[in-house]
N, C-alpha and C. Protein backbone atom coordinates (compact mmCIF):
# COMPACT_ATOMS: atom_id res chain seq x y z
N UNK A 1 -12.59 0.09 -0.36
CA UNK A 1 -11.78 -0.60 -1.35
C UNK A 1 -11.84 -2.14 -1.16
N UNK A 2 -11.82 -2.83 -2.13
CA UNK A 2 -11.83 -4.30 -2.01
C UNK A 2 -10.60 -4.77 -1.36
N UNK A 3 -10.77 -5.91 -0.62
CA UNK A 3 -9.67 -6.49 0.11
C UNK A 3 -8.54 -6.83 -0.96
N UNK A 4 -7.38 -6.65 -0.49
CA UNK A 4 -6.12 -7.00 -1.29
C UNK A 4 -5.98 -6.36 -2.57
N UNK A 5 -6.79 -5.28 -2.87
CA UNK A 5 -6.75 -4.61 -4.16
C UNK A 5 -5.36 -4.01 -4.39
N UNK A 6 -4.71 -3.45 -3.42
CA UNK A 6 -3.42 -2.77 -3.62
C UNK A 6 -2.35 -3.76 -3.84
N UNK A 7 -2.49 -4.99 -3.33
CA UNK A 7 -1.49 -6.03 -3.60
C UNK A 7 -1.34 -6.36 -5.03
N UNK A 8 -2.38 -6.11 -5.83
CA UNK A 8 -2.38 -6.37 -7.28
C UNK A 8 -1.94 -5.13 -8.06
N UNK A 9 -1.58 -4.09 -7.41
CA UNK A 9 -1.11 -2.85 -8.15
C UNK A 9 0.39 -2.84 -8.08
N UNK A 10 1.07 -2.76 -9.24
CA UNK A 10 2.51 -2.76 -9.30
C UNK A 10 3.13 -1.54 -8.54
N UNK A 11 2.54 -0.38 -8.68
CA UNK A 11 3.11 0.81 -8.17
C UNK A 11 2.28 1.22 -7.02
N UNK A 12 2.54 0.66 -5.85
CA UNK A 12 1.73 0.92 -4.59
C UNK A 12 1.98 2.31 -4.12
N UNK A 13 3.05 2.92 -4.31
CA UNK A 13 3.30 4.29 -3.89
C UNK A 13 2.37 5.25 -4.61
N UNK A 14 2.22 5.00 -5.91
CA UNK A 14 1.25 5.82 -6.71
C UNK A 14 -0.18 5.52 -6.31
N UNK A 15 -0.54 4.30 -6.05
CA UNK A 15 -1.90 3.96 -5.65
C UNK A 15 -2.30 4.73 -4.37
N UNK A 16 -1.38 4.80 -3.31
CA UNK A 16 -1.63 5.46 -2.11
C UNK A 16 -1.76 7.02 -2.39
N UNK A 17 -0.92 7.44 -3.24
CA UNK A 17 -0.92 8.89 -3.63
C UNK A 17 -2.32 9.23 -4.25
N UNK A 18 -2.91 8.31 -5.07
CA UNK A 18 -4.19 8.52 -5.66
C UNK A 18 -5.31 8.49 -4.56
N UNK A 19 -5.20 7.56 -3.66
CA UNK A 19 -6.20 7.49 -2.57
C UNK A 19 -6.17 8.80 -1.86
N UNK A 20 -4.99 9.33 -1.48
CA UNK A 20 -4.86 10.59 -0.78
C UNK A 20 -5.44 11.74 -1.66
N UNK A 21 -5.19 11.79 -2.93
CA UNK A 21 -5.59 12.88 -3.78
C UNK A 21 -7.15 12.92 -3.89
N UNK A 22 -7.91 11.82 -3.94
CA UNK A 22 -9.25 11.82 -4.12
C UNK A 22 -10.04 11.96 -2.79
N UNK A 23 -9.45 11.82 -1.67
CA UNK A 23 -10.16 11.94 -0.47
C UNK A 23 -10.34 13.43 -0.19
N UNK A 24 -11.48 13.84 0.42
CA UNK A 24 -11.66 15.21 0.79
C UNK A 24 -10.86 15.43 2.05
N UNK A 25 -10.43 16.69 2.36
CA UNK A 25 -9.65 17.00 3.56
C UNK A 25 -10.55 16.50 4.72
N UNK A 26 -9.87 15.83 5.67
CA UNK A 26 -10.54 15.28 6.82
C UNK A 26 -11.15 13.87 6.58
N UNK A 27 -11.06 13.41 5.34
CA UNK A 27 -11.63 12.09 4.99
C UNK A 27 -10.58 11.02 5.51
N UNK A 28 -11.15 9.81 5.48
CA UNK A 28 -10.23 8.66 5.93
C UNK A 28 -10.46 7.50 5.02
N UNK A 29 -9.52 6.52 5.12
CA UNK A 29 -9.66 5.24 4.42
C UNK A 29 -9.46 4.13 5.41
N UNK A 30 -9.99 2.95 5.00
CA UNK A 30 -9.65 1.71 5.74
C UNK A 30 -9.55 0.63 4.67
N UNK A 31 -8.40 0.00 4.66
CA UNK A 31 -8.15 -1.04 3.64
C UNK A 31 -7.57 -2.26 4.19
N UNK A 32 -8.10 -3.46 3.79
CA UNK A 32 -7.57 -4.72 4.27
C UNK A 32 -6.66 -5.12 3.22
N UNK A 33 -5.57 -5.70 3.55
CA UNK A 33 -4.53 -6.08 2.58
C UNK A 33 -3.61 -7.14 3.21
N UNK A 34 -2.86 -7.84 2.37
CA UNK A 34 -1.92 -8.89 2.78
C UNK A 34 -0.58 -8.21 2.73
N UNK A 35 0.25 -8.44 3.78
CA UNK A 35 1.62 -7.99 3.92
C UNK A 35 2.50 -9.09 4.38
N UNK A 36 3.82 -8.92 4.21
CA UNK A 36 4.69 -9.96 4.73
C UNK A 36 5.43 -9.38 5.93
N UNK A 37 5.91 -10.24 6.83
CA UNK A 37 6.82 -9.76 7.93
C UNK A 37 8.09 -10.56 7.61
N UNK A 38 8.95 -9.93 6.88
CA UNK A 38 10.21 -10.54 6.39
C UNK A 38 10.11 -10.60 4.90
N UNK A 39 11.24 -10.87 4.25
CA UNK A 39 11.32 -10.90 2.80
C UNK A 39 10.78 -12.24 2.26
N UNK A 40 9.93 -12.02 1.25
CA UNK A 40 9.39 -13.26 0.52
C UNK A 40 10.50 -13.68 -0.52
N UNK A 41 10.67 -15.00 -0.69
CA UNK A 41 11.61 -15.46 -1.68
C UNK A 41 11.23 -15.05 -3.07
N UNK A 42 12.14 -14.89 -3.99
CA UNK A 42 11.91 -14.62 -5.37
C UNK A 42 10.94 -15.63 -6.06
N UNK A 43 11.11 -16.85 -5.63
CA UNK A 43 10.21 -17.86 -6.15
C UNK A 43 8.68 -17.63 -5.92
N UNK A 44 8.44 -17.15 -4.76
CA UNK A 44 7.05 -16.79 -4.40
C UNK A 44 6.60 -15.52 -5.03
N UNK A 45 7.51 -14.48 -5.19
CA UNK A 45 7.12 -13.24 -5.93
C UNK A 45 6.84 -13.56 -7.35
N UNK A 46 7.49 -14.52 -7.93
CA UNK A 46 7.37 -14.83 -9.42
C UNK A 46 6.26 -15.75 -9.63
N UNK A 47 5.64 -16.36 -8.62
CA UNK A 47 4.56 -17.30 -8.83
C UNK A 47 3.26 -16.55 -9.15
N UNK A 48 2.56 -16.85 -10.31
CA UNK A 48 1.35 -16.28 -10.65
C UNK A 48 0.23 -16.67 -9.64
N UNK A 49 0.33 -17.86 -9.13
CA UNK A 49 -0.69 -18.31 -8.22
C UNK A 49 -0.57 -17.59 -6.91
N UNK A 50 0.66 -17.33 -6.49
CA UNK A 50 0.88 -16.44 -5.26
C UNK A 50 0.38 -15.05 -5.52
N UNK A 51 0.62 -14.51 -6.70
CA UNK A 51 0.25 -13.17 -7.02
C UNK A 51 -1.31 -13.04 -6.98
N UNK A 52 -1.93 -14.08 -7.60
CA UNK A 52 -3.45 -14.12 -7.61
C UNK A 52 -4.06 -14.24 -6.20
N UNK A 53 -3.23 -14.84 -5.30
CA UNK A 53 -3.72 -15.02 -3.94
C UNK A 53 -3.30 -13.80 -3.05
N UNK A 54 -2.81 -12.74 -3.70
CA UNK A 54 -2.40 -11.54 -2.96
C UNK A 54 -1.28 -11.65 -2.15
N UNK A 55 -0.44 -12.72 -2.38
CA UNK A 55 0.79 -12.97 -1.61
C UNK A 55 1.96 -12.52 -2.33
N UNK A 56 2.05 -12.84 -3.65
CA UNK A 56 3.16 -12.55 -4.47
C UNK A 56 3.51 -11.09 -4.48
N UNK A 57 2.56 -10.20 -4.37
CA UNK A 57 2.74 -8.77 -4.48
C UNK A 57 2.78 -8.06 -3.15
N UNK A 58 2.87 -8.88 -2.10
CA UNK A 58 2.80 -8.33 -0.69
C UNK A 58 4.18 -7.58 -0.40
N UNK A 59 3.99 -6.43 0.20
CA UNK A 59 5.07 -5.73 0.74
C UNK A 59 5.38 -6.12 2.12
N UNK A 60 6.56 -5.82 2.63
CA UNK A 60 6.89 -6.00 4.10
C UNK A 60 6.02 -5.00 4.83
N UNK A 61 5.54 -5.47 5.96
CA UNK A 61 4.60 -4.68 6.77
C UNK A 61 5.11 -3.20 7.05
N UNK A 62 6.35 -3.04 7.47
CA UNK A 62 6.90 -1.76 7.66
C UNK A 62 6.93 -0.95 6.36
N UNK A 63 7.31 -1.46 5.26
CA UNK A 63 7.27 -0.79 4.09
C UNK A 63 5.89 -0.35 3.61
N UNK A 64 4.96 -1.19 3.79
CA UNK A 64 3.49 -0.90 3.46
C UNK A 64 3.06 0.39 4.26
N UNK A 65 3.17 0.29 5.60
CA UNK A 65 2.83 1.40 6.42
C UNK A 65 3.69 2.69 6.11
N UNK A 66 4.88 2.51 5.75
CA UNK A 66 5.71 3.72 5.40
C UNK A 66 5.13 4.34 4.15
N UNK A 67 4.69 3.62 3.20
CA UNK A 67 4.03 4.17 1.94
C UNK A 67 2.86 5.04 2.26
N UNK A 68 2.01 4.40 3.25
CA UNK A 68 0.76 5.16 3.69
C UNK A 68 1.21 6.55 4.30
N UNK A 69 2.19 6.52 5.16
CA UNK A 69 2.57 7.72 5.75
C UNK A 69 3.20 8.61 4.78
N UNK A 70 4.00 8.15 3.90
CA UNK A 70 4.76 8.95 2.96
C UNK A 70 3.68 9.65 1.98
N UNK A 71 2.54 8.99 1.75
CA UNK A 71 1.53 9.67 0.89
C UNK A 71 0.90 10.89 1.58
N UNK A 72 1.10 11.03 2.84
CA UNK A 72 0.61 12.19 3.54
C UNK A 72 -0.47 11.93 4.63
N UNK A 73 -0.77 10.72 4.78
CA UNK A 73 -1.81 10.34 5.81
C UNK A 73 -1.32 10.44 7.18
N UNK A 74 -2.27 10.87 8.07
CA UNK A 74 -1.90 11.01 9.54
C UNK A 74 -2.81 9.92 10.28
N UNK A 75 -2.48 9.84 11.59
CA UNK A 75 -3.16 8.92 12.43
C UNK A 75 -3.32 7.50 11.81
N UNK A 76 -2.24 7.12 11.19
CA UNK A 76 -2.20 5.75 10.56
C UNK A 76 -2.05 4.79 11.66
N UNK A 77 -2.93 3.80 11.47
CA UNK A 77 -2.90 2.68 12.58
C UNK A 77 -3.31 1.38 12.00
N UNK A 78 -2.94 0.26 12.54
CA UNK A 78 -3.43 -1.00 12.13
C UNK A 78 -4.59 -1.34 13.00
N UNK A 79 -5.70 -1.40 12.41
CA UNK A 79 -7.00 -1.78 13.23
C UNK A 79 -7.09 -3.22 13.51
N UNK A 80 -6.69 -4.05 12.61
CA UNK A 80 -6.64 -5.49 12.84
C UNK A 80 -5.43 -6.09 12.23
N UNK A 81 -5.03 -7.22 12.76
CA UNK A 81 -3.89 -7.89 12.21
C UNK A 81 -3.95 -9.41 12.61
N UNK A 82 -3.86 -10.26 11.68
CA UNK A 82 -3.73 -11.73 12.06
C UNK A 82 -2.89 -12.39 11.00
N UNK A 83 -2.28 -13.52 11.34
CA UNK A 83 -1.47 -14.31 10.46
C UNK A 83 -2.41 -14.93 9.42
N UNK A 84 -2.12 -14.72 8.20
CA UNK A 84 -2.92 -15.31 7.08
C UNK A 84 -2.55 -16.66 6.65
N UNK A 85 -1.43 -17.03 7.04
CA UNK A 85 -0.94 -18.42 6.68
C UNK A 85 0.62 -18.51 6.68
N UNK A 86 1.01 -19.72 6.41
CA UNK A 86 2.48 -19.98 6.25
C UNK A 86 2.66 -20.52 4.81
N UNK A 87 3.84 -20.16 4.23
CA UNK A 87 4.16 -20.56 2.85
C UNK A 87 5.16 -21.61 2.85
N UNK A 88 5.21 -22.38 1.80
CA UNK A 88 6.28 -23.35 1.51
C UNK A 88 6.81 -23.03 0.04
N UNK A 89 7.98 -23.29 -0.19
CA UNK A 89 8.51 -23.18 -1.58
C UNK A 89 8.12 -24.49 -2.40
N UNK A 90 8.43 -24.48 -3.65
CA UNK A 90 8.14 -25.57 -4.49
C UNK A 90 8.65 -26.91 -3.99
N UNK A 91 9.92 -26.76 -3.31
CA UNK A 91 10.53 -27.98 -2.89
C UNK A 91 10.09 -28.32 -1.43
N UNK A 92 9.06 -27.63 -0.91
CA UNK A 92 8.42 -28.04 0.36
C UNK A 92 9.09 -27.40 1.61
N UNK A 93 10.15 -26.65 1.39
CA UNK A 93 10.79 -26.00 2.55
C UNK A 93 9.94 -24.67 2.96
N UNK A 94 9.98 -24.53 4.27
CA UNK A 94 9.15 -23.43 4.87
C UNK A 94 9.78 -22.08 4.43
N UNK A 95 8.93 -21.09 4.19
CA UNK A 95 9.37 -19.75 3.92
C UNK A 95 9.45 -19.07 5.31
N UNK A 96 10.47 -18.37 5.63
CA UNK A 96 10.64 -17.78 6.92
C UNK A 96 9.69 -16.57 7.13
N UNK A 97 9.38 -15.84 6.15
CA UNK A 97 8.51 -14.72 6.21
C UNK A 97 7.12 -15.12 6.56
N UNK A 98 6.55 -14.34 7.44
CA UNK A 98 5.09 -14.54 7.82
C UNK A 98 4.26 -13.80 6.82
N UNK A 99 3.05 -14.24 6.55
CA UNK A 99 2.07 -13.60 5.69
C UNK A 99 0.92 -13.10 6.74
N UNK A 100 0.73 -11.84 6.65
CA UNK A 100 -0.25 -11.22 7.58
C UNK A 100 -1.39 -10.45 6.86
N UNK A 101 -2.54 -10.55 7.43
CA UNK A 101 -3.69 -9.76 6.99
C UNK A 101 -3.79 -8.55 7.83
N UNK A 102 -3.75 -7.36 7.21
CA UNK A 102 -3.89 -6.18 7.98
C UNK A 102 -5.08 -5.35 7.50
N UNK A 103 -5.73 -4.68 8.44
CA UNK A 103 -6.76 -3.70 8.18
C UNK A 103 -5.98 -2.37 8.63
N UNK A 104 -5.75 -1.43 7.68
CA UNK A 104 -5.02 -0.22 7.93
C UNK A 104 -5.98 0.98 7.83
N UNK A 105 -5.89 1.89 8.72
CA UNK A 105 -6.75 3.08 8.72
C UNK A 105 -5.76 4.27 8.61
N UNK A 106 -6.16 5.31 7.92
CA UNK A 106 -5.52 6.56 7.81
C UNK A 106 -6.37 7.69 7.46
N UNK A 107 -6.01 8.99 7.83
CA UNK A 107 -6.76 10.15 7.67
C UNK A 107 -6.00 11.18 6.82
N UNK A 108 -6.69 11.84 5.96
CA UNK A 108 -6.17 13.04 5.18
C UNK A 108 -6.39 14.21 6.14
N UNK A 109 -5.30 14.95 6.36
CA UNK A 109 -5.37 16.16 7.14
C UNK A 109 -6.55 17.05 6.76
N UNK A 110 -7.18 17.64 7.66
CA UNK A 110 -8.34 18.64 7.34
C UNK A 110 -7.75 19.88 6.66
């Protein structure tokens, strides 16, 4: 899958359910995506520029991984993780949430 593609999907729960559905038993996925660590302000979530940059639609890291597990995947792991950058609000104040780039791996049970 393309990087950050799930960040642009409004219903991420359904997107992971579809990934699970189309994989053959024993298959796996690896997706790179942007997540937050902490809550993003409403101002960032509402920004079209932040959405297009895959930040506005970012889920919290724990919630993202929870959706993967909830979809039925096993052996879920973060293969790579690094800070993707820091955000400021329109008034220039720093956003407390961190923005992370994750590469997530999961397997469909055989």
